[in-house]
């Protein structure tokens, strides 16, 4: 029986996201463009990349877009 490391799978996000976080709003505002994002450097030394874009997709499908006040605060 083999286990799949969820961080090595591009098609899933572990967990269910129920609210917009500051990081998710920033990713949403950047349209998932990682150039210049804080997390780009963070993940550069990891064997896996950032999956925030998948979390943003899940949030959009489950609860819709973040509020305008969150976008102005965290973008």
PDB file of N, CA and C in Angstrom:
ATOM      1  N   UNK A   1       0.850  -1.173   0.000  1.00  0.00           N
ATOM      2  CA  UNK A   1       0.000   0.000   0.000  1.00  0.00           C
ATOM      3  C   UNK A   1       0.892   1.231   0.000  1.00  0.00           C
ATOM      4  N   UNK A   2       0.752   2.082  -1.000  1.00  0.00           N
ATOM      5  CA  UNK A   2       1.585   3.279  -1.073  1.00  0.00           C
ATOM      6  C   UNK A   2       0.777   4.501  -0.657  1.00  0.00           C
ATOM      7  N   UNK A   3       1.476   5.434  -0.117  1.00  0.00           N
ATOM      8  CA  UNK A   3       0.831   6.691   0.266  1.00  0.00           C
ATOM      9  C   UNK A   3       1.327   7.794  -0.649  1.00  0.00           C
ATOM     10  N   UNK A   4       0.424   8.664  -1.009  1.00  0.00           N
ATOM     11  CA  UNK A   4       0.779   9.780  -1.868  1.00  0.00           C
ATOM     12  C   UNK A   4       0.966  11.007  -0.991  1.00  0.00           C
ATOM     13  N   UNK A   5       2.107  11.659  -1.155  1.00  0.00           N
ATOM     14  CA  UNK A   5       2.348  12.904  -0.435  1.00  0.00           C
ATOM     15  C   UNK A   5       1.453  13.972  -1.060  1.00  0.00           C
ATOM     16  N   UNK A   6       0.510  14.547  -0.307  1.00  0.00           N
ATOM     17  CA  UNK A   6      -0.422  15.514  -0.895  1.00  0.00           C
ATOM     18  C   UNK A   6       0.281  16.756  -1.437  1.00  0.00           C
ATOM     19  N   UNK A   7       1.464  17.040  -0.947  1.00  0.00           N
ATOM     20  CA  UNK A   7       2.184  18.210  -1.430  1.00  0.00           C
ATOM     21  C   UNK A   7       2.828  17.968  -2.786  1.00  0.00           C
ATOM     22  N   UNK A   8       2.867  16.713  -3.213  1.00  0.00           N
ATOM     23  CA  UNK A   8       3.433  16.388  -4.512  1.00  0.00           C
ATOM     24  C   UNK A   8       2.344  16.181  -5.564  1.00  0.00           C
ATOM     25  N   UNK A   9       1.112  16.399  -5.207  1.00  0.00           N
ATOM     26  CA  UNK A   9      -0.011  16.219  -6.111  1.00  0.00           C
ATOM     27  C   UNK A   9      -0.573  17.582  -6.471  1.00  0.00           C
ATOM     28  N   UNK A  10      -0.637  17.892  -7.750  1.00  0.00           N
ATOM     29  CA  UNK A  10      -1.097  19.205  -8.183  1.00  0.00           C
ATOM     30  C   UNK A  10      -2.612  19.334  -8.226  1.00  0.00           C
ATOM     31  N   UNK A  11      -3.322  18.236  -8.141  1.00  0.00           N
ATOM     32  CA  UNK A  11      -4.763  18.311  -8.372  1.00  0.00           C
ATOM     33  C   UNK A  11      -5.598  18.344  -7.100  1.00  0.00           C
ATOM     34  N   UNK A  12      -4.989  18.282  -5.925  1.00  0.00           N
ATOM     35  CA  UNK A  12      -5.788  18.302  -4.703  1.00  0.00           C
ATOM     36  C   UNK A  12      -5.246  19.317  -3.711  1.00  0.00           C
ATOM     37  N   UNK A  13      -6.121  19.769  -2.859  1.00  0.00           N
ATOM     38  CA  UNK A  13      -5.745  20.609  -1.737  1.00  0.00           C
ATOM     39  C   UNK A  13      -6.246  19.887  -0.501  1.00  0.00           C
ATOM     40  N   UNK A  14      -5.369  19.696   0.458  1.00  0.00           N
ATOM     41  CA  UNK A  14      -5.762  18.993   1.665  1.00  0.00           C
ATOM     42  C   UNK A  14      -6.595  19.925   2.538  1.00  0.00           C
ATOM     43  N   UNK A  15      -7.716  19.456   2.997  1.00  0.00           N
ATOM     44  CA  UNK A  15      -8.568  20.247   3.872  1.00  0.00           C
ATOM     45  C   UNK A  15      -9.673  20.945   3.105  1.00  0.00           C
ATOM     46  N   UNK A  16     -10.581  21.478   3.848  1.00  0.00           N
ATOM     47  CA  UNK A  16     -11.672  22.243   3.269  1.00  0.00           C
ATOM     48  C   UNK A  16     -11.553  23.655   3.793  1.00  0.00           C
ATOM     49  N   UNK A  17     -11.488  24.590   2.884  1.00  0.00           N
ATOM     50  CA  UNK A  17     -11.315  25.975   3.268  1.00  0.00           C
ATOM     51  C   UNK A  17     -12.683  26.618   3.402  1.00  0.00           C
ATOM     52  N   UNK A  18     -12.929  27.242   4.551  1.00  0.00           N
ATOM     53  CA  UNK A  18     -14.245  27.791   4.845  1.00  0.00           C
ATOM     54  C   UNK A  18     -14.256  29.303   4.902  1.00  0.00           C
ATOM     55  N   UNK A  19     -13.082  29.922   4.832  1.00  0.00           N
ATOM     56  CA  UNK A  19     -13.027  31.380   4.874  1.00  0.00           C
ATOM     57  C   UNK A  19     -11.802  31.863   4.111  1.00  0.00           C
ATOM     58  N   UNK A  20     -11.854  33.105   3.707  1.00  0.00           N
ATOM     59  CA  UNK A  20     -10.732  33.718   3.005  1.00  0.00           C
ATOM     60  C   UNK A  20      -9.675  34.159   4.013  1.00  0.00           C
ATOM     61  N   UNK A  21      -8.456  33.718   3.840  1.00  0.00           N
ATOM     62  CA  UNK A  21      -7.340  34.179   4.671  1.00  0.00           C
ATOM     63  C   UNK A  21      -6.636  35.315   3.928  1.00  0.00           C
ATOM     64  N   UNK A  22      -5.770  36.013   4.629  1.00  0.00           N
ATOM     65  CA  UNK A  22      -4.998  37.092   4.006  1.00  0.00           C
ATOM     66  C   UNK A  22      -4.190  36.554   2.823  1.00  0.00           C
ATOM     67  N   UNK A  23      -3.570  35.397   2.991  1.00  0.00           N
ATOM     68  CA  UNK A  23      -2.752  34.801   1.922  1.00  0.00           C
ATOM     69  C   UNK A  23      -3.599  34.409   0.717  1.00  0.00           C
ATOM     70  N   UNK A  24      -4.783  33.875   0.978  1.00  0.00           N
ATOM     71  CA  UNK A  24      -5.665  33.474  -0.117  1.00  0.00           C
ATOM     72  C   UNK A  24      -6.165  34.701  -0.879  1.00  0.00           C
ATOM     73  N   UNK A  25      -6.490  35.769  -0.162  1.00  0.00           N
ATOM     74  CA  UNK A  25      -6.946  36.994  -0.817  1.00  0.00           C
ATOM     75  C   UNK A  25      -5.817  37.589  -1.659  1.00  0.00           C
ATOM     76  N   UNK A  26      -4.605  37.563  -1.131  1.00  0.00           N
ATOM     77  CA  UNK A  26      -3.473  38.077  -1.898  1.00  0.00           C
ATOM     78  C   UNK A  26      -3.280  37.268  -3.178  1.00  0.00           C
ATOM     79  N   UNK A  27      -3.363  35.947  -3.086  1.00  0.00           N
ATOM     80  CA  UNK A  27      -3.218  35.084  -4.257  1.00  0.00           C
ATOM     81  C   UNK A  27      -4.345  35.362  -5.255  1.00  0.00           C
ATOM     82  N   UNK A  28      -5.555  35.511  -4.770  1.00  0.00           N
ATOM     83  CA  UNK A  28      -6.701  35.833  -5.615  1.00  0.00           C
ATOM     84  C   UNK A  28      -6.459  37.157  -6.346  1.00  0.00           C
ATOM     85  N   UNK A  29      -6.000  38.160  -5.621  1.00  0.00           N
ATOM     86  CA  UNK A  29      -5.762  39.490  -6.197  1.00  0.00           C
ATOM     87  C   UNK A  29      -4.643  39.467  -7.237  1.00  0.00           C
ATOM     88  N   UNK A  30      -3.664  38.609  -7.014  1.00  0.00           N
ATOM     89  CA  UNK A  30      -2.545  38.477  -7.956  1.00  0.00           C
ATOM     90  C   UNK A  30      -2.904  37.590  -9.138  1.00  0.00           C
ATOM     91  N   UNK A  31      -4.109  37.035  -9.135  1.00  0.00           N
ATOM     92  CA  UNK A  31      -4.544  36.071 -10.156  1.00  0.00           C
ATOM     93  C   UNK A  31      -3.577  34.885 -10.225  1.00  0.00           C
ATOM     94  N   UNK A  32      -3.137  34.466  -9.037  1.00  0.00           N
ATOM     95  CA  UNK A  32      -2.220  33.332  -8.855  1.00  0.00           C
ATOM     96  C   UNK A  32      -0.881  33.526  -9.567  1.00  0.00           C
ATOM     97  N   UNK A  33      -0.493  34.777  -9.786  1.00  0.00           N
ATOM     98  CA  UNK A  33       0.822  35.076 -10.358  1.00  0.00           C
ATOM     99  C   UNK A  33       1.823  35.098  -9.207  1.00  0.00           C
ATOM    100  N   UNK A  34       2.725  34.160  -9.182  1.00  0.00           N
ATOM    101  CA  UNK A  34       3.646  34.003  -8.054  1.00  0.00           C
ATOM    102  C   UNK A  34       4.825  34.985  -8.068  1.00  0.00           C
ATOM    103  N   UNK A  35       5.075  35.650  -9.193  1.00  0.00           N
ATOM    104  CA  UNK A  35       6.194  36.593  -9.267  1.00  0.00           C
ATOM    105  C   UNK A  35       6.038  37.687  -8.214  1.00  0.00           C
ATOM    106  N   UNK A  36       7.006  37.760  -7.313  1.00  0.00           N
ATOM    107  CA  UNK A  36       6.991  38.769  -6.266  1.00  0.00           C
ATOM    108  C   UNK A  36       6.230  38.380  -5.009  1.00  0.00           C
ATOM    109  N   UNK A  37       5.622  37.239  -5.005  1.00  0.00           N
ATOM    110  CA  UNK A  37       4.876  36.788  -3.826  1.00  0.00           C
ATOM    111  C   UNK A  37       5.855  36.320  -2.746  1.00  0.00           C
ATOM    112  N   UNK A  38       5.520  36.611  -1.496  1.00  0.00           N
ATOM    113  CA  UNK A  38       6.338  36.185  -0.360  1.00  0.00           C
ATOM    114  C   UNK A  38       6.577  34.679  -0.390  1.00  0.00           C
ATOM    115  N   UNK A  39       5.567  33.926  -0.690  1.00  0.00           N
ATOM    116  CA  UNK A  39       5.666  32.465  -0.634  1.00  0.00           C
ATOM    117  C   UNK A  39       6.535  31.870  -1.742  1.00  0.00           C
ATOM    118  N   UNK A  40       6.787  32.618  -2.792  1.00  0.00           N
ATOM    119  CA  UNK A  40       7.652  32.117  -3.859  1.00  0.00           C
ATOM    120  C   UNK A  40       9.034  31.778  -3.289  1.00  0.00           C
ATOM    121  N   UNK A  41       9.588  32.648  -2.483  1.00  0.00           N
ATOM    122  CA  UNK A  41      10.883  32.363  -1.847  1.00  0.00           C
ATOM    123  C   UNK A  41      10.763  31.253  -0.822  1.00  0.00           C
ATOM    124  N   UNK A  42       9.677  31.241  -0.080  1.00  0.00           N
ATOM    125  CA  UNK A  42       9.467  30.221   0.936  1.00  0.00           C
ATOM    126  C   UNK A  42       9.480  28.826   0.330  1.00  0.00           C
ATOM    127  N   UNK A  43       8.799  28.652  -0.787  1.00  0.00           N
ATOM    128  CA  UNK A  43       8.700  27.332  -1.404  1.00  0.00           C
ATOM    129  C   UNK A  43       9.876  26.995  -2.321  1.00  0.00           C
ATOM    130  N   UNK A  44      10.734  27.946  -2.596  1.00  0.00           N
ATOM    131  CA  UNK A  44      11.848  27.682  -3.513  1.00  0.00           C
ATOM    132  C   UNK A  44      12.802  26.613  -2.980  1.00  0.00           C
ATOM    133  N   UNK A  45      12.885  26.459  -1.668  1.00  0.00           N
ATOM    134  CA  UNK A  45      13.770  25.453  -1.095  1.00  0.00           C
ATOM    135  C   UNK A  45      13.032  24.157  -0.749  1.00  0.00           C
ATOM    136  N   UNK A  46      11.770  24.059  -1.100  1.00  0.00           N
ATOM    137  CA  UNK A  46      10.967  22.874  -0.797  1.00  0.00           C
ATOM    138  C   UNK A  46      10.877  21.975  -2.034  1.00  0.00           C
ATOM    139  N   UNK A  47      10.654  20.693  -1.823  1.00  0.00           N
ATOM    140  CA  UNK A  47      10.500  19.784  -2.969  1.00  0.00           C
ATOM    141  C   UNK A  47       9.123  19.909  -3.629  1.00  0.00           C
ATOM    142  N   UNK A  48       8.258  20.742  -3.094  1.00  0.00           N
ATOM    143  CA  UNK A  48       6.922  20.951  -3.641  1.00  0.00           C
ATOM    144  C   UNK A  48       6.658  22.451  -3.719  1.00  0.00           C
ATOM    145  N   UNK A  49       5.721  22.824  -4.540  1.00  0.00           N
ATOM    146  CA  UNK A  49       5.402  24.235  -4.724  1.00  0.00           C
ATOM    147  C   UNK A  49       4.167  24.654  -3.955  1.00  0.00           C
ATOM    148  N   UNK A  50       3.896  25.914  -4.007  1.00  0.00           N
ATOM    149  CA  UNK A  50       2.725  26.485  -3.336  1.00  0.00           C
ATOM    150  C   UNK A  50       1.451  25.975  -4.007  1.00  0.00           C
ATOM    151  N   UNK A  51       0.462  25.678  -3.215  1.00  0.00           N
ATOM    152  CA  UNK A  51      -0.827  25.192  -3.722  1.00  0.00           C
ATOM    153  C   UNK A  51      -1.951  26.192  -3.429  1.00  0.00           C
ATOM    154  N   UNK A  52      -1.576  27.439  -3.103  1.00  0.00           N
ATOM    155  CA  UNK A  52      -2.589  28.424  -2.754  1.00  0.00           C
ATOM    156  C   UNK A  52      -3.575  28.645  -3.894  1.00  0.00           C
ATOM    157  N   UNK A  53      -3.105  28.550  -5.131  1.00  0.00           N
ATOM    158  CA  UNK A  53      -4.036  28.729  -6.257  1.00  0.00           C
ATOM    159  C   UNK A  53      -5.157  27.699  -6.221  1.00  0.00           C
ATOM    160  N   UNK A  54      -4.863  26.503  -5.762  1.00  0.00           N
ATOM    161  CA  UNK A  54      -5.909  25.476  -5.655  1.00  0.00           C
ATOM    162  C   UNK A  54      -6.879  25.796  -4.522  1.00  0.00           C
ATOM    163  N   UNK A  55      -6.358  26.353  -3.432  1.00  0.00           N
ATOM    164  CA  UNK A  55      -7.219  26.769  -2.325  1.00  0.00           C
ATOM    165  C   UNK A  55      -8.140  27.900  -2.782  1.00  0.00           C
ATOM    166  N   UNK A  56      -7.597  28.841  -3.563  1.00  0.00           N
ATOM    167  CA  UNK A  56      -8.406  29.949  -4.082  1.00  0.00           C
ATOM    168  C   UNK A  56      -9.525  29.409  -4.968  1.00  0.00           C
ATOM    169  N   UNK A  57      -9.214  28.464  -5.834  1.00  0.00           N
ATOM    170  CA  UNK A  57     -10.251  27.856  -6.681  1.00  0.00           C
ATOM    171  C   UNK A  57     -11.343  27.220  -5.830  1.00  0.00           C
ATOM    172  N   UNK A  58     -10.931  26.510  -4.788  1.00  0.00           N
ATOM    173  CA  UNK A  58     -11.904  25.851  -3.916  1.00  0.00           C
ATOM    174  C   UNK A  58     -12.774  26.884  -3.194  1.00  0.00           C
ATOM    175  N   UNK A  59     -12.167  27.964  -2.719  1.00  0.00           N
ATOM    176  CA  UNK A  59     -12.931  29.014  -2.041  1.00  0.00           C
ATOM    177  C   UNK A  59     -13.920  29.683  -2.994  1.00  0.00           C
ATOM    178  N   UNK A  60     -13.498  29.960  -4.205  1.00  0.00           N
ATOM    179  CA  UNK A  60     -14.390  30.571  -5.185  1.00  0.00           C
ATOM    180  C   UNK A  60     -15.601  29.687  -5.459  1.00  0.00           C
ATOM    181  N   UNK A  61     -15.365  28.386  -5.566  1.00  0.00           N
ATOM    182  CA  UNK A  61     -16.459  27.444  -5.831  1.00  0.00           C
ATOM    183  C   UNK A  61     -17.384  27.282  -4.634  1.00  0.00           C
ATOM    184  N   UNK A  62     -16.826  27.299  -3.423  1.00  0.00           N
ATOM    185  CA  UNK A  62     -17.644  26.999  -2.253  1.00  0.00           C
ATOM    186  C   UNK A  62     -18.297  28.229  -1.623  1.00  0.00           C
ATOM    187  N   UNK A  63     -17.600  29.371  -1.566  1.00  0.00           N
ATOM    188  CA  UNK A  63     -18.192  30.531  -0.894  1.00  0.00           C
ATOM    189  C   UNK A  63     -18.188  31.802  -1.733  1.00  0.00           C
ATOM    190  N   UNK A  64     -17.594  31.760  -2.907  1.00  0.00           N
ATOM    191  CA  UNK A  64     -17.584  32.931  -3.768  1.00  0.00           C
ATOM    192  C   UNK A  64     -16.379  33.829  -3.535  1.00  0.00           C
ATOM    193  N   UNK A  65     -16.409  34.987  -4.164  1.00  0.00           N
ATOM    194  CA  UNK A  65     -15.284  35.916  -4.105  1.00  0.00           C
ATOM    195  C   UNK A  65     -15.149  36.531  -2.714  1.00  0.00           C
ATOM    196  N   UNK A  66     -13.924  36.964  -2.366  1.00  0.00           N
ATOM    197  CA  UNK A  66     -13.746  37.653  -1.077  1.00  0.00           C
ATOM    198  C   UNK A  66     -14.420  39.025  -1.136  1.00  0.00           C
ATOM    199  N   UNK A  67     -14.750  39.551   0.013  1.00  0.00           N
ATOM    200  CA  UNK A  67     -15.406  40.865   0.052  1.00  0.00           C
ATOM    201  C   UNK A  67     -14.457  41.956  -0.435  1.00  0.00           C
ATOM    202  N   UNK A  68     -15.019  43.054  -0.888  1.00  0.00           N
ATOM    203  CA  UNK A  68     -14.217  44.179  -1.370  1.00  0.00           C
ATOM    204  C   UNK A  68     -13.323  44.721  -0.271  1.00  0.00           C
ATOM    205  N   UNK A  69     -13.795  44.715   0.968  1.00  0.00           N
ATOM    206  CA  UNK A  69     -12.974  45.217   2.067  1.00  0.00           C
ATOM    207  C   UNK A  69     -11.759  44.319   2.316  1.00  0.00           C
ATOM    208  N   UNK A  70     -11.932  43.001   2.175  1.00  0.00           N
ATOM    209  CA  UNK A  70     -10.788  42.097   2.334  1.00  0.00           C
ATOM    210  C   UNK A  70      -9.803  42.299   1.192  1.00  0.00           C
ATOM    211  N   UNK A  71     -10.305  42.467  -0.012  1.00  0.00           N
ATOM    212  CA  UNK A  71      -9.420  42.665  -1.160  1.00  0.00           C
ATOM    213  C   UNK A  71      -8.617  43.947  -0.974  1.00  0.00           C
ATOM    214  N   UNK A  72      -9.252  45.027  -0.542  1.00  0.00           N
ATOM    215  CA  UNK A  72      -8.518  46.280  -0.359  1.00  0.00           C
ATOM    216  C   UNK A  72      -7.543  46.188   0.798  1.00  0.00           C
ATOM    217  N   UNK A  73      -7.838  45.404   1.799  1.00  0.00           N
ATOM    218  CA  UNK A  73      -6.972  45.264   2.976  1.00  0.00           C
ATOM    219  C   UNK A  73      -5.758  44.372   2.712  1.00  0.00           C
ATOM    220  N   UNK A  74      -5.929  43.279   1.964  1.00  0.00           N
ATOM    221  CA  UNK A  74      -4.871  42.278   1.813  1.00  0.00           C
ATOM    222  C   UNK A  74      -4.233  42.220   0.424  1.00  0.00           C
ATOM    223  N   UNK A  75      -4.594  43.111  -0.473  1.00  0.00           N
ATOM    224  CA  UNK A  75      -3.984  43.091  -1.812  1.00  0.00           C
ATOM    225  C   UNK A  75      -2.756  43.975  -1.853  1.00  0.00           C
TER     226      UNK A  75
END
